[in-house]
C-alpha atoms as a PDB file:
ATOM      1  CA  MET A   1      81.096 134.376  81.839  1.00  0.00           C
ATOM      2  CA  VAL A   2      81.245 132.000  78.942  1.00  0.00           C
ATOM      3  CA  LYS A   3      84.811 134.025  78.297  1.00  0.00           C
ATOM      4  CA  LEU A   4      85.619 133.991  81.693  1.00  0.00           C
ATOM      5  CA  VAL A   5      84.788 129.885  82.319  1.00  0.00           C
ATOM      6  CA  PHE A   6      86.385 129.146  78.737  1.00  0.00           C
ATOM      7  CA  LEU A   7      89.089 130.977  80.506  1.00  0.00           C
ATOM      8  CA  VAL A   8      89.428 128.688  83.361  1.00  0.00           C
ATOM      9  CA  CYS A   9      88.526 124.994  81.606  1.00  0.00           C
ATOM     10  CA  CYS A  10      91.732 126.084  79.050  1.00  0.00           C
ATOM     11  CA  LEU A  11      93.475 127.266  82.341  1.00  0.00           C
ATOM     12  CA  SER A  12      92.780 123.767  84.074  1.00  0.00           C
ATOM     13  CA  ALA A  13      93.412 121.812  80.729  1.00  0.00           C
ATOM     14  CA  ALA A  14      97.105 123.389  80.735  1.00  0.00           C
ATOM     15  CA  HIS A  15      97.534 122.721  84.417  1.00  0.00           C
ATOM     16  CA  ALA A  16      97.322 118.737  83.856  1.00  0.00           C
ATOM     17  CA  LEU A  17      99.303 119.143  80.883  1.00  0.00           C
ATOM     18  CA  LEU A  18     101.968 120.798  83.233  1.00  0.00           C
ATOM     19  CA  ALA A  19     101.558 118.076  85.749  1.00  0.00           C
ATOM     20  CA  GLN A  20     102.160 115.013  83.642  1.00  0.00           C
ATOM     21  CA  SER A  21     105.607 115.250  81.208  1.00  0.00           C
ATOM     22  CA  THR A  22     106.964 112.178  78.920  1.00  0.00           C
ATOM     23  CA  ILE A  23     110.890 112.049  79.321  1.00  0.00           C
ATOM     24  CA  ALA A  24     113.245 109.658  77.161  1.00  0.00           C
ATOM     25  CA  LEU A  25     114.769 107.033  79.377  1.00  0.00           C
ATOM     26  CA  TYR A  26     118.220 107.352  77.962  1.00  0.00           C
ATOM     27  CA  SER A  27     119.845 110.575  76.794  1.00  0.00           C
ATOM     28  CA  GLY A  28     121.720 109.228  73.407  1.00  0.00           C
ATOM     29  CA  THR A  29     122.268 105.308  72.448  1.00  0.00           C
ATOM     30  CA  ILE A  30     119.643 102.930  74.078  1.00  0.00           C
ATOM     31  CA  PRO A  31     122.291 100.412  75.832  1.00  0.00           C
ATOM     32  CA  ASN A  32     121.348  96.572  74.875  1.00  0.00           C
ATOM     33  CA  SER A  33     119.490  97.371  71.450  1.00  0.00           C
ATOM     34  CA  LYS A  34     120.307  97.214  67.779  1.00  0.00           C
ATOM     35  CA  PRO A  35     118.448  98.210  64.665  1.00  0.00           C
ATOM     36  CA  SER A  36     114.963  96.497  64.209  1.00  0.00           C
ATOM     37  CA  SER A  37     112.066  96.884  62.020  1.00  0.00           C
ATOM     38  CA  VAL A  38     110.338  96.246  65.724  1.00  0.00           C
ATOM     39  CA  GLN A  39     107.670  99.243  65.686  1.00  0.00           C
ATOM     40  CA  GLU A  40     106.224 100.121  69.076  1.00  0.00           C
ATOM     41  CA  THR A  41     101.897  99.378  68.884  1.00  0.00           C
ATOM     42  CA  SER A  42      99.494 101.062  70.901  1.00  0.00           C
ATOM     43  CA  VAL A  43      95.691  99.065  71.410  1.00  0.00           C
ATOM     44  CA  THR A  44      93.032 100.758  73.008  1.00  0.00           C
ATOM     45  CA  LEU A  45      90.501  98.092  73.698  1.00  0.00           C
ATOM     46  CA  PRO A  46      86.739  98.516  73.991  1.00  0.00           C
ATOM     47  CA  ASN A  47      86.973  99.030  77.625  1.00  0.00           C
ATOM     48  CA  GLY A  48      89.265 101.976  77.229  1.00  0.00           C
ATOM     49  CA  GLY A  49      92.203 100.337  78.472  1.00  0.00           C
ATOM     50  CA  VAL A  50      95.585 100.788  76.354  1.00  0.00           C
ATOM     51  CA  ARG A  51      98.295  98.034  75.755  1.00  0.00           C
ATOM     52  CA  ILE A  52     101.174  98.807  74.557  1.00  0.00           C
ATOM     53  CA  SER A  53     103.742  96.168  72.967  1.00  0.00           C
ATOM     54  CA  ASN A  54     107.176  95.903  71.109  1.00  0.00           C
ATOM     55  CA  VAL A  55     108.328  98.947  73.097  1.00  0.00           C
ATOM     56  CA  VAL A  56     111.567 100.005  71.455  1.00  0.00           C
ATOM     57  CA  GLN A  57     112.182 103.564  73.178  1.00  0.00           C
ATOM     58  CA  PRO A  58     111.745 103.259  76.713  1.00  0.00           C
ATOM     59  CA  THR A  59     110.156 105.890  78.598  1.00  0.00           C
ATOM     60  CA  LEU A  60     108.977 108.095  82.010  1.00  0.00           C
ATOM     61  CA  THR A  61     105.986 109.200  82.353  1.00  0.00           C
ATOM     62  CA  VAL A  62     106.281 112.092  85.170  1.00  0.00           C
ATOM     63  CA  PHE A  63     103.036 112.712  87.469  1.00  0.00           C
ATOM     64  CA  ARG A  64     104.305 115.500  89.268  1.00  0.00           C
ATOM     65  CA  ALA A  65     101.989 115.372  92.776  1.00  0.00           C
ATOM     66  CA  PRO A  66     100.316 118.725  93.786  1.00  0.00           C
ATOM     67  CA  ALA A  67     103.329 121.084  95.059  1.00  0.00           C
ATOM     68  CA  ALA A  68     100.834 121.880  98.502  1.00  0.00           C
ATOM     69  CA  THR A  69     100.768 118.516  99.751  1.00  0.00           C
ATOM     70  CA  ALA A  70     104.361 117.067  97.479  1.00  0.00           C
ATOM     71  CA  ASN A  71     105.598 115.266 100.518  1.00  0.00           C
ATOM     72  CA  GLY A  72     109.074 114.128  98.457  1.00  0.00           C
ATOM     73  CA  THR A  73     108.650 110.453  97.696  1.00  0.00           C
ATOM     74  CA  ALA A  74     108.837 109.002  94.614  1.00  0.00           C
ATOM     75  CA  VAL A  75     107.310 105.669  93.189  1.00  0.00           C
ATOM     76  CA  ILE A  76     108.206 104.122  89.948  1.00  0.00           C
ATOM     77  CA  ILE A  77     105.211 101.855  88.671  1.00  0.00           C
ATOM     78  CA  CYS A  78     106.320  98.848  86.133  1.00  0.00           C
ATOM     79  CA  PRO A  79     102.740  98.204  84.339  1.00  0.00           C
ATOM     80  CA  GLY A  80     102.257  94.369  83.944  1.00  0.00           C
ATOM     81  CA  GLY A  81     101.293  92.182  80.772  1.00  0.00           C
ATOM     82  CA  GLY A  82     103.205  89.057  80.884  1.00  0.00           C
ATOM     83  CA  TYR A  83     106.283  90.761  79.490  1.00  0.00           C
ATOM     84  CA  ALA A  84     104.605  90.945  75.988  1.00  0.00           C
ATOM     85  CA  ARG A  85     102.745  94.276  76.698  1.00  0.00           C
ATOM     86  CA  LEU A  86     101.775  96.674  79.120  1.00  0.00           C
ATOM     87  CA  SER A  87      98.694  97.610  80.739  1.00  0.00           C
ATOM     88  CA  ILE A  88      99.529 101.375  80.832  1.00  0.00           C
ATOM     89  CA  ASP A  89      96.550 102.497  82.166  1.00  0.00           C
ATOM     90  CA  HIS A  90      95.105 100.981  84.717  1.00  0.00           C
ATOM     91  CA  GLU A  91      98.393  99.476  86.171  1.00  0.00           C
ATOM     92  CA  GLY A  92     100.024 102.840  85.440  1.00  0.00           C
ATOM     93  CA  TYR A  93      98.555 105.975  84.647  1.00  0.00           C
ATOM     94  CA  ASP A  94      95.615 105.260  87.035  1.00  0.00           C
ATOM     95  CA  VAL A  95      97.800 104.164  89.831  1.00  0.00           C
ATOM     96  CA  ALA A  96      99.910 107.356  89.601  1.00  0.00           C
ATOM     97  CA  LYS A  97      96.755 109.551  89.741  1.00  0.00           C
ATOM     98  CA  ARG A  98      96.078 108.290  93.002  1.00  0.00           C
ATOM     99  CA  LEU A  99      99.346 108.189  94.509  1.00  0.00           C
ATOM    100  CA  ASN A 100      99.731 111.610  93.516  1.00  0.00           C
ATOM    101  CA  GLU A 101      96.660 112.213  96.019  1.00  0.00           C
ATOM    102  CA  ILE A 102      98.668 111.479  98.486  1.00  0.00           C
ATOM    103  CA  GLY A 103     101.260 114.082  98.491  1.00  0.00           C
ATOM    104  CA  ILE A 104     103.656 110.969  95.912  1.00  0.00           C
ATOM    105  CA  THR A 105     105.321 112.024  92.469  1.00  0.00           C
ATOM    106  CA  ALA A 106     105.125 108.733  90.497  1.00  0.00           C
ATOM    107  CA  PHE A 107     106.907 107.850  87.318  1.00  0.00           C
ATOM    108  CA  VAL A 108     104.977 105.319  84.865  1.00  0.00           C
ATOM    109  CA  LEU A 109     107.728 103.308  82.944  1.00  0.00           C
ATOM    110  CA  LYS A 110     107.243 102.162  79.508  1.00  0.00           C
ATOM    111  CA  TYR A 111     109.644  99.462  79.372  1.00  0.00           C
ATOM    112  CA  ARG A 112     110.914  97.241  76.927  1.00  0.00           C
ATOM    113  CA  LEU A 113     109.634  93.819  76.758  1.00  0.00           C
ATOM    114  CA  PRO A 114     111.711  90.752  76.586  1.00  0.00           C
ATOM    115  CA  ASN A 115     112.466  91.472  71.922  1.00  0.00           C
ATOM    116  CA  ASP A 116     115.048  88.925  70.411  1.00  0.00           C
ATOM    117  CA  ALA A 117     114.501  91.316  67.259  1.00  0.00           C
ATOM    118  CA  SER A 118     115.528  94.293  68.771  1.00  0.00           C
ATOM    119  CA  GLN A 119     117.688  93.206  71.683  1.00  0.00           C
ATOM    120  CA  PRO A 120     121.413  91.288  71.894  1.00  0.00           C
ATOM    121  CA  ASP A 121     120.331  90.128  75.372  1.00  0.00           C
ATOM    122  CA  LYS A 122     116.487  90.325  75.831  1.00  0.00           C
ATOM    123  CA  THR A 123     116.661  89.105  79.408  1.00  0.00           C
ATOM    124  CA  THR A 124     118.409  91.851  80.774  1.00  0.00           C
ATOM    125  CA  ALA A 125     116.456  94.479  78.825  1.00  0.00           C
ATOM    126  CA  PRO A 126     113.860  95.095  81.399  1.00  0.00           C
ATOM    127  CA  LEU A 127     116.137  94.969  84.219  1.00  0.00           C
ATOM    128  CA  LEU A 128     118.258  97.672  82.357  1.00  0.00           C
ATOM    129  CA  ASP A 129     115.329  99.965  82.067  1.00  0.00           C
ATOM    130  CA  ALA A 130     114.220  99.605  85.304  1.00  0.00           C
ATOM    131  CA  GLN A 131     117.607 100.523  86.949  1.00  0.00           C
ATOM    132  CA  GLN A 132     118.038 103.449  84.329  1.00  0.00           C
ATOM    133  CA  ALA A 133     114.718 104.673  85.674  1.00  0.00           C
ATOM    134  CA  LEU A 134     115.757 104.256  89.202  1.00  0.00           C
ATOM    135  CA  ARG A 135     119.467 106.611  88.572  1.00  0.00           C
ATOM    136  CA  LEU A 136     117.919 108.980  86.606  1.00  0.00           C
ATOM    137  CA  VAL A 137     114.901 109.687  88.976  1.00  0.00           C
ATOM    138  CA  ARG A 138     117.106 110.202  91.936  1.00  0.00           C
ATOM    139  CA  GLN A 139     119.645 112.293  89.256  1.00  0.00           C
ATOM    140  CA  ARG A 140     116.539 114.571  88.932  1.00  0.00           C
ATOM    141  CA  ALA A 141     115.437 114.660  92.118  1.00  0.00           C
ATOM    142  CA  ALA A 142     115.873 118.498  92.584  1.00  0.00           C
ATOM    143  CA  ASP A 143     113.775 118.755  89.360  1.00  0.00           C
ATOM    144  CA  TYR A 144     110.788 116.923  90.484  1.00  0.00           C
ATOM    145  CA  GLY A 145     111.098 117.445  94.513  1.00  0.00           C
ATOM    146  CA  VAL A 146     111.809 114.362  95.501  1.00  0.00           C
ATOM    147  CA  ASN A 147     114.052 112.775  98.053  1.00  0.00           C
ATOM    148  CA  PRO A 148     116.842 110.762  96.336  1.00  0.00           C
ATOM    149  CA  ALA A 149     116.459 108.536  99.440  1.00  0.00           C
ATOM    150  CA  ARG A 150     112.461 107.938  98.752  1.00  0.00           C
ATOM    151  CA  VAL A 151     112.893 106.159  96.034  1.00  0.00           C
ATOM    152  CA  GLY A 152     110.495 102.992  95.495  1.00  0.00           C
ATOM    153  CA  ILE A 153     109.714 100.849  92.712  1.00  0.00           C
ATOM    154  CA  MET A 154     106.131  99.416  92.406  1.00  0.00           C
ATOM    155  CA  GLY A 155     104.922  96.497  89.969  1.00  0.00           C
ATOM    156  CA  PHE A 156     101.786  94.603  89.046  1.00  0.00           C
ATOM    157  CA  SER A 157     102.362  91.268  87.709  1.00  0.00           C
ATOM    158  CA  ALA A 158     105.024  90.845  85.419  1.00  0.00           C
ATOM    159  CA  GLY A 159     105.936  94.182  86.199  1.00  0.00           C
ATOM    160  CA  GLY A 160     105.790  92.699  90.291  1.00  0.00           C
ATOM    161  CA  HIS A 161     108.647  90.065  88.381  1.00  0.00           C
ATOM    162  CA  LEU A 162     110.662  93.389  87.592  1.00  0.00           C
ATOM    163  CA  ALA A 163     110.368  95.478  90.547  1.00  0.00           C
ATOM    164  CA  ALA A 164     111.076  92.364  92.955  1.00  0.00           C
ATOM    165  CA  THR A 165     114.433  92.267  89.961  1.00  0.00           C
ATOM    166  CA  ALA A 166     114.754  95.780  90.619  1.00  0.00           C
ATOM    167  CA  GLY A 167     114.892  95.037  94.475  1.00  0.00           C
ATOM    168  CA  THR A 168     116.962  91.719  94.528  1.00  0.00           C
ATOM    169  CA  HIS A 169     119.798  91.691  92.245  1.00  0.00           C
ATOM    170  CA  LEU A 170     121.279  94.050  93.603  1.00  0.00           C
ATOM    171  CA  ASN A 171     124.458  93.587  92.947  1.00  0.00           C
ATOM    172  CA  GLN A 172     123.961  92.663  88.966  1.00  0.00           C
ATOM    173  CA  SER A 173     123.780  96.285  87.370  1.00  0.00           C
ATOM    174  CA  ALA A 174     122.298  95.170  83.598  1.00  0.00           C
ATOM    175  CA  ALA A 175     125.298  97.816  82.213  1.00  0.00           C
ATOM    176  CA  ALA A 176     128.135 100.083  83.386  1.00  0.00           C
ATOM    177  CA  ALA A 177     126.471 103.082  85.061  1.00  0.00           C
ATOM    178  CA  PRO A 178     128.289 106.632  83.780  1.00  0.00           C
ATOM    179  CA  ASP A 179     128.176 107.405  87.577  1.00  0.00           C
ATOM    180  CA  ARG A 180     127.406 106.192  91.076  1.00  0.00           C
ATOM    181  CA  THR A 181     123.824 107.016  91.284  1.00  0.00           C
ATOM    182  CA  SER A 182     122.366 103.623  93.286  1.00  0.00           C
ATOM    183  CA  VAL A 183     119.706 101.601  91.453  1.00  0.00           C
ATOM    184  CA  ARG A 184     118.698 100.023  94.824  1.00  0.00           C
ATOM    185  CA  PRO A 185     115.257 100.740  95.466  1.00  0.00           C
ATOM    186  CA  ASP A 186     114.165 102.221  98.842  1.00  0.00           C
ATOM    187  CA  PHE A 187     111.010 100.049  99.155  1.00  0.00           C
ATOM    188  CA  LEU A 188     109.138  97.735  97.171  1.00  0.00           C
ATOM    189  CA  VAL A 189     105.205  97.583  96.042  1.00  0.00           C
ATOM    190  CA  LEU A 190     104.559  93.798  94.571  1.00  0.00           C
ATOM    191  CA  ILE A 191     100.850  93.604  93.516  1.00  0.00           C
ATOM    192  CA  TYR A 192      99.966  90.199  92.631  1.00  0.00           C
ATOM    193  CA  PRO A 193     103.878  89.902  91.444  1.00  0.00           C
ATOM    194  CA  VAL A 194     105.303  86.910  89.655  1.00  0.00           C
ATOM    195  CA  ILE A 195     107.720  86.158  91.601  1.00  0.00           C
ATOM    196  CA  SER A 196     109.336  82.096  90.912  1.00  0.00           C
ATOM    197  CA  LEU A 197     110.080  81.128  87.705  1.00  0.00           C
ATOM    198  CA  SER A 198     110.277  78.008  88.657  1.00  0.00           C
ATOM    199  CA  ASP A 199     107.823  74.799  86.925  1.00  0.00           C
ATOM    200  CA  SER A 200     104.996  74.993  90.093  1.00  0.00           C
ATOM    201  CA  LEU A 201     104.469  78.358  90.534  1.00  0.00           C
ATOM    202  CA  MET A 202     105.529  80.123  87.200  1.00  0.00           C
ATOM    203  CA  HIS A 203     103.375  82.088  85.157  1.00  0.00           C
ATOM    204  CA  ALA A 204     104.250  80.362  81.708  1.00  0.00           C
ATOM    205  CA  GLY A 205     104.235  83.342  79.398  1.00  0.00           C
ATOM    206  CA  SER A 206     106.640  85.506  81.649  1.00  0.00           C
ATOM    207  CA  ARG A 207     109.025  83.146  81.996  1.00  0.00           C
ATOM    208  CA  THR A 208     108.418  81.813  78.099  1.00  0.00           C
ATOM    209  CA  ASN A 209     108.821  85.468  76.967  1.00  0.00           C
ATOM    210  CA  LEU A 210     111.524  86.444  79.767  1.00  0.00           C
ATOM    211  CA  LEU A 211     114.128  83.190  79.505  1.00  0.00           C
ATOM    212  CA  GLY A 212     113.002  81.841  76.288  1.00  0.00           C
ATOM    213  CA  ALA A 213     111.140  78.429  75.807  1.00  0.00           C
ATOM    214  CA  SER A 214     113.879  76.159  77.001  1.00  0.00           C
ATOM    215  CA  PRO A 215     115.564  77.689  80.115  1.00  0.00           C
ATOM    216  CA  SER A 216     118.703  76.758  81.741  1.00  0.00           C
ATOM    217  CA  ALA A 217     118.053  75.689  85.321  1.00  0.00           C
ATOM    218  CA  GLN A 218     120.534  78.732  86.788  1.00  0.00           C
ATOM    219  CA  GLN A 219     118.420  81.008  84.616  1.00  0.00           C
ATOM    220  CA  ILE A 220     115.503  79.912  86.291  1.00  0.00           C
ATOM    221  CA  ARG A 221     117.089  79.798  90.008  1.00  0.00           C
ATOM    222  CA  GLU A 222     118.258  83.534  88.976  1.00  0.00           C
ATOM    223  CA  TYR A 223     115.358  84.794  88.037  1.00  0.00           C
ATOM    224  CA  SER A 224     112.956  83.541  90.636  1.00  0.00           C
ATOM    225  CA  ASN A 225     113.419  86.225  93.281  1.00  0.00           C
ATOM    226  CA  GLU A 226     112.340  84.324  96.535  1.00  0.00           C
ATOM    227  CA  LEU A 227     115.575  82.569  96.092  1.00  0.00           C
ATOM    228  CA  GLN A 228     117.492  86.113  95.374  1.00  0.00           C
ATOM    229  CA  VAL A 229     116.419  88.121  98.805  1.00  0.00           C
ATOM    230  CA  SER A 230     119.068  88.848 101.142  1.00  0.00           C
ATOM    231  CA  ALA A 231     119.202  91.232 104.011  1.00  0.00           C
ATOM    232  CA  GLN A 232     119.266  94.235 101.387  1.00  0.00           C
ATOM    233  CA  THR A 233     116.402  93.667  99.822  1.00  0.00           C
ATOM    234  CA  PRO A 234     114.061  97.135 100.294  1.00  0.00           C
ATOM    235  CA  PRO A 235     111.171  97.202 103.029  1.00  0.00           C
ATOM    236  CA  THR A 236     108.268  95.321 101.066  1.00  0.00           C
ATOM    237  CA  PHE A 237     104.660  95.527 100.558  1.00  0.00           C
ATOM    238  CA  LEU A 238     102.704  92.573  99.084  1.00  0.00           C
ATOM    239  CA  VAL A 239      98.834  92.264  97.286  1.00  0.00           C
ATOM    240  CA  HIS A 240      97.599  88.703  96.044  1.00  0.00           C
ATOM    241  CA  ALA A 241      94.275  87.272  95.903  1.00  0.00           C
ATOM    242  CA  GLN A 242      94.150  83.674  96.811  1.00  0.00           C
ATOM    243  CA  ASP A 243      91.960  82.960  93.681  1.00  0.00           C
ATOM    244  CA  ASP A 244      94.791  84.061  91.306  1.00  0.00           C
ATOM    245  CA  LYS A 245      94.497  81.405  88.338  1.00  0.00           C
ATOM    246  CA  SER A 246      97.202  83.064  86.148  1.00  0.00           C
ATOM    247  CA  VAL A 247     100.098  83.510  89.177  1.00  0.00           C
ATOM    248  CA  PRO A 248      99.735  81.756  92.151  1.00  0.00           C
ATOM    249  CA  VAL A 249      99.279  83.473  95.181  1.00  0.00           C
ATOM    250  CA  GLN A 250     102.360  81.026  96.505  1.00  0.00           C
ATOM    251  CA  ASN A 251     104.603  83.576  94.391  1.00  0.00           C
ATOM    252  CA  SER A 252     103.536  86.355  97.519  1.00  0.00           C
ATOM    253  CA  LEU A 253     103.936  83.606  99.910  1.00  0.00           C
ATOM    254  CA  ARG A 254     107.590  82.353  98.749  1.00  0.00           C
ATOM    255  CA  PHE A 255     108.181  86.033  98.476  1.00  0.00           C
ATOM    256  CA  TYR A 256     107.208  87.322 102.216  1.00  0.00           C
ATOM    257  CA  GLU A 257     108.712  84.014 103.645  1.00  0.00           C
ATOM    258  CA  ALA A 258     111.783  84.608 101.948  1.00  0.00           C
ATOM    259  CA  CYS A 259     111.427  88.166 103.471  1.00  0.00           C
ATOM    260  CA  LEU A 260     111.017  87.242 107.472  1.00  0.00           C
ATOM    261  CA  ARG A 261     114.193  84.599 107.050  1.00  0.00           C
ATOM    262  CA  ARG A 262     116.106  87.362 105.530  1.00  0.00           C
ATOM    263  CA  ASN A 263     114.889  90.347 108.614  1.00  0.00           C
ATOM    264  CA  VAL A 264     113.783  92.464 105.660  1.00  0.00           C
ATOM    265  CA  PRO A 265     110.673  93.883 106.896  1.00  0.00           C
ATOM    266  CA  ALA A 266     107.729  92.835 104.818  1.00  0.00           C
ATOM    267  CA  GLU A 267     103.566  93.591 104.932  1.00  0.00           C
ATOM    268  CA  MET A 268     101.183  91.148 102.925  1.00  0.00           C
ATOM    269  CA  HIS A 269      97.814  91.872 102.507  1.00  0.00           C
ATOM    270  CA  LEU A 270      95.887  88.404 100.583  1.00  0.00           C
ATOM    271  CA  TYR A 271      91.884  88.746  99.451  1.00  0.00           C
ATOM    272  CA  PRO A 272      89.917  84.890  99.046  1.00  0.00           C
ATOM    273  CA  LYS A 273      88.615  86.219  95.631  1.00  0.00           C
ATOM    274  CA  GLY A 274      89.794  88.485  92.974  1.00  0.00           C
ATOM    275  CA  GLY A 275      91.441  86.706  90.712  1.00  0.00           C
ATOM    276  CA  HIS A 276      93.993  88.696  88.145  1.00  0.00           C
ATOM    277  CA  GLY A 277      94.814  92.346  86.972  1.00  0.00           C
ATOM    278  CA  PHE A 278      92.216  93.739  89.101  1.00  0.00           C
ATOM    279  CA  GLY A 279      94.345  97.099  89.423  1.00  0.00           C
ATOM    280  CA  LEU A 280      93.696  99.525  91.926  1.00  0.00           C
ATOM    281  CA  THR A 281      90.423  97.803  92.976  1.00  0.00           C
ATOM    282  CA  ASN A 282      89.273  94.328  93.398  1.00  0.00           C
ATOM    283  CA  LYS A 283      85.559  94.420  93.254  1.00  0.00           C
ATOM    284  CA  THR A 284      85.374  91.397  95.482  1.00  0.00           C
ATOM    285  CA  THR A 285      85.721  93.481  98.984  1.00  0.00           C
ATOM    286  CA  LYS A 286      85.051  96.842 100.280  1.00  0.00           C
ATOM    287  CA  ASP A 287      88.551  96.699 101.478  1.00  0.00           C
ATOM    288  CA  ASP A 288      91.000  99.268  99.444  1.00  0.00           C
ATOM    289  CA  TRP A 289      94.300  97.959  99.293  1.00  0.00           C
ATOM    290  CA  MET A 290      95.658 101.423  98.285  1.00  0.00           C
ATOM    291  CA  GLN A 291      94.422 102.922 101.710  1.00  0.00           C
ATOM    292  CA  ARG A 292      96.581  99.877 102.836  1.00  0.00           C
ATOM    293  CA  LEU A 293      99.670 101.537 101.509  1.00  0.00           C
ATOM    294  CA  GLN A 294      98.889 104.683 102.318  1.00  0.00           C
ATOM    295  CA  ASN A 295      98.993 103.637 105.896  1.00  0.00           C
ATOM    296  CA  TRP A 296     102.482 101.098 105.327  1.00  0.00           C
ATOM    297  CA  PHE A 297     103.815 104.856 103.280  1.00  0.00           C
ATOM    298  CA  ASP A 298     102.674 106.597 106.659  1.00  0.00           C
ATOM    299  CA  ALA A 299     103.806 103.963 109.325  1.00  0.00           C
ATOM    300  CA  ASN A 300     106.984 103.955 107.615  1.00  0.00           C
ATOM    301  CA  GLY A 301     107.512 108.043 107.181  1.00  0.00           C
ATOM    302  CA  TRP A 302     107.304 107.851 103.603  1.00  0.00           C
ATOM    303  CA  LEU A 303     104.769 110.912 103.643  1.00  0.00           C
ATOM    304  CA  THR A 304     106.433 113.064 106.090  1.00  0.00           C
ATOM    305  CA  LYS A 305     107.091 116.321 104.287  1.00  0.00           C
END
């Protein structure tokens, strides 16, 4: 009996390992990179949270939905961290597991953070990685059992800025692609996102890390994504808390208003409290924003097999 239990446990562990895999974002030379002494670091906080910084080798960690419930929709997740680090657990892996529960295959993107020492152009490095993630998931759609026409991108905080950039800078390919695979997300999910880099609405750390200490007016406008929404911007789902002191709620409001002006379908859920960085659970309310997201996915047909 003990042997049987041990065998079952081993098989369960093996299944868990098979369900997840990490793949390199690029098969060869990483574009927009240069030799440097920069080395990736990973720190585990007292509460168990994991923070990754100085990313040199971008990757995708694949969380495949169970075969019995997989519906063909894929979501690429961009964790936040002010473009200085990645909150890879509670804004990445934990979210991927919740998406698996509703049949969605998730890909957690460990993207390069802006770094002058390892990148010739630090401003475009994160977008380059987000676009490559979209390209790669579509290229390997058959391998992962996903529909290449149902690949969205999701981001938290600065990761929300990256996701919004991927959804608005559709005519800006950060690098020459070897094929014509689309890098347009099919939908956006933006959770307490950094949207505007304007003086009045910016998250100062995110702007400085991405654009430098003295960005030009043109750079600020280009990466203030509420100004870049067009009719081609994908359908968008937003979540934010009114008392967010790090990223003002007006970031989401401005993006939503821009979607309205351009007739882009958008749904937004605002909470009076919750602050910033609450991840899956806003402890100030019994409402579950992930359930609202599931309803939105369902209403748009993205949970249908």
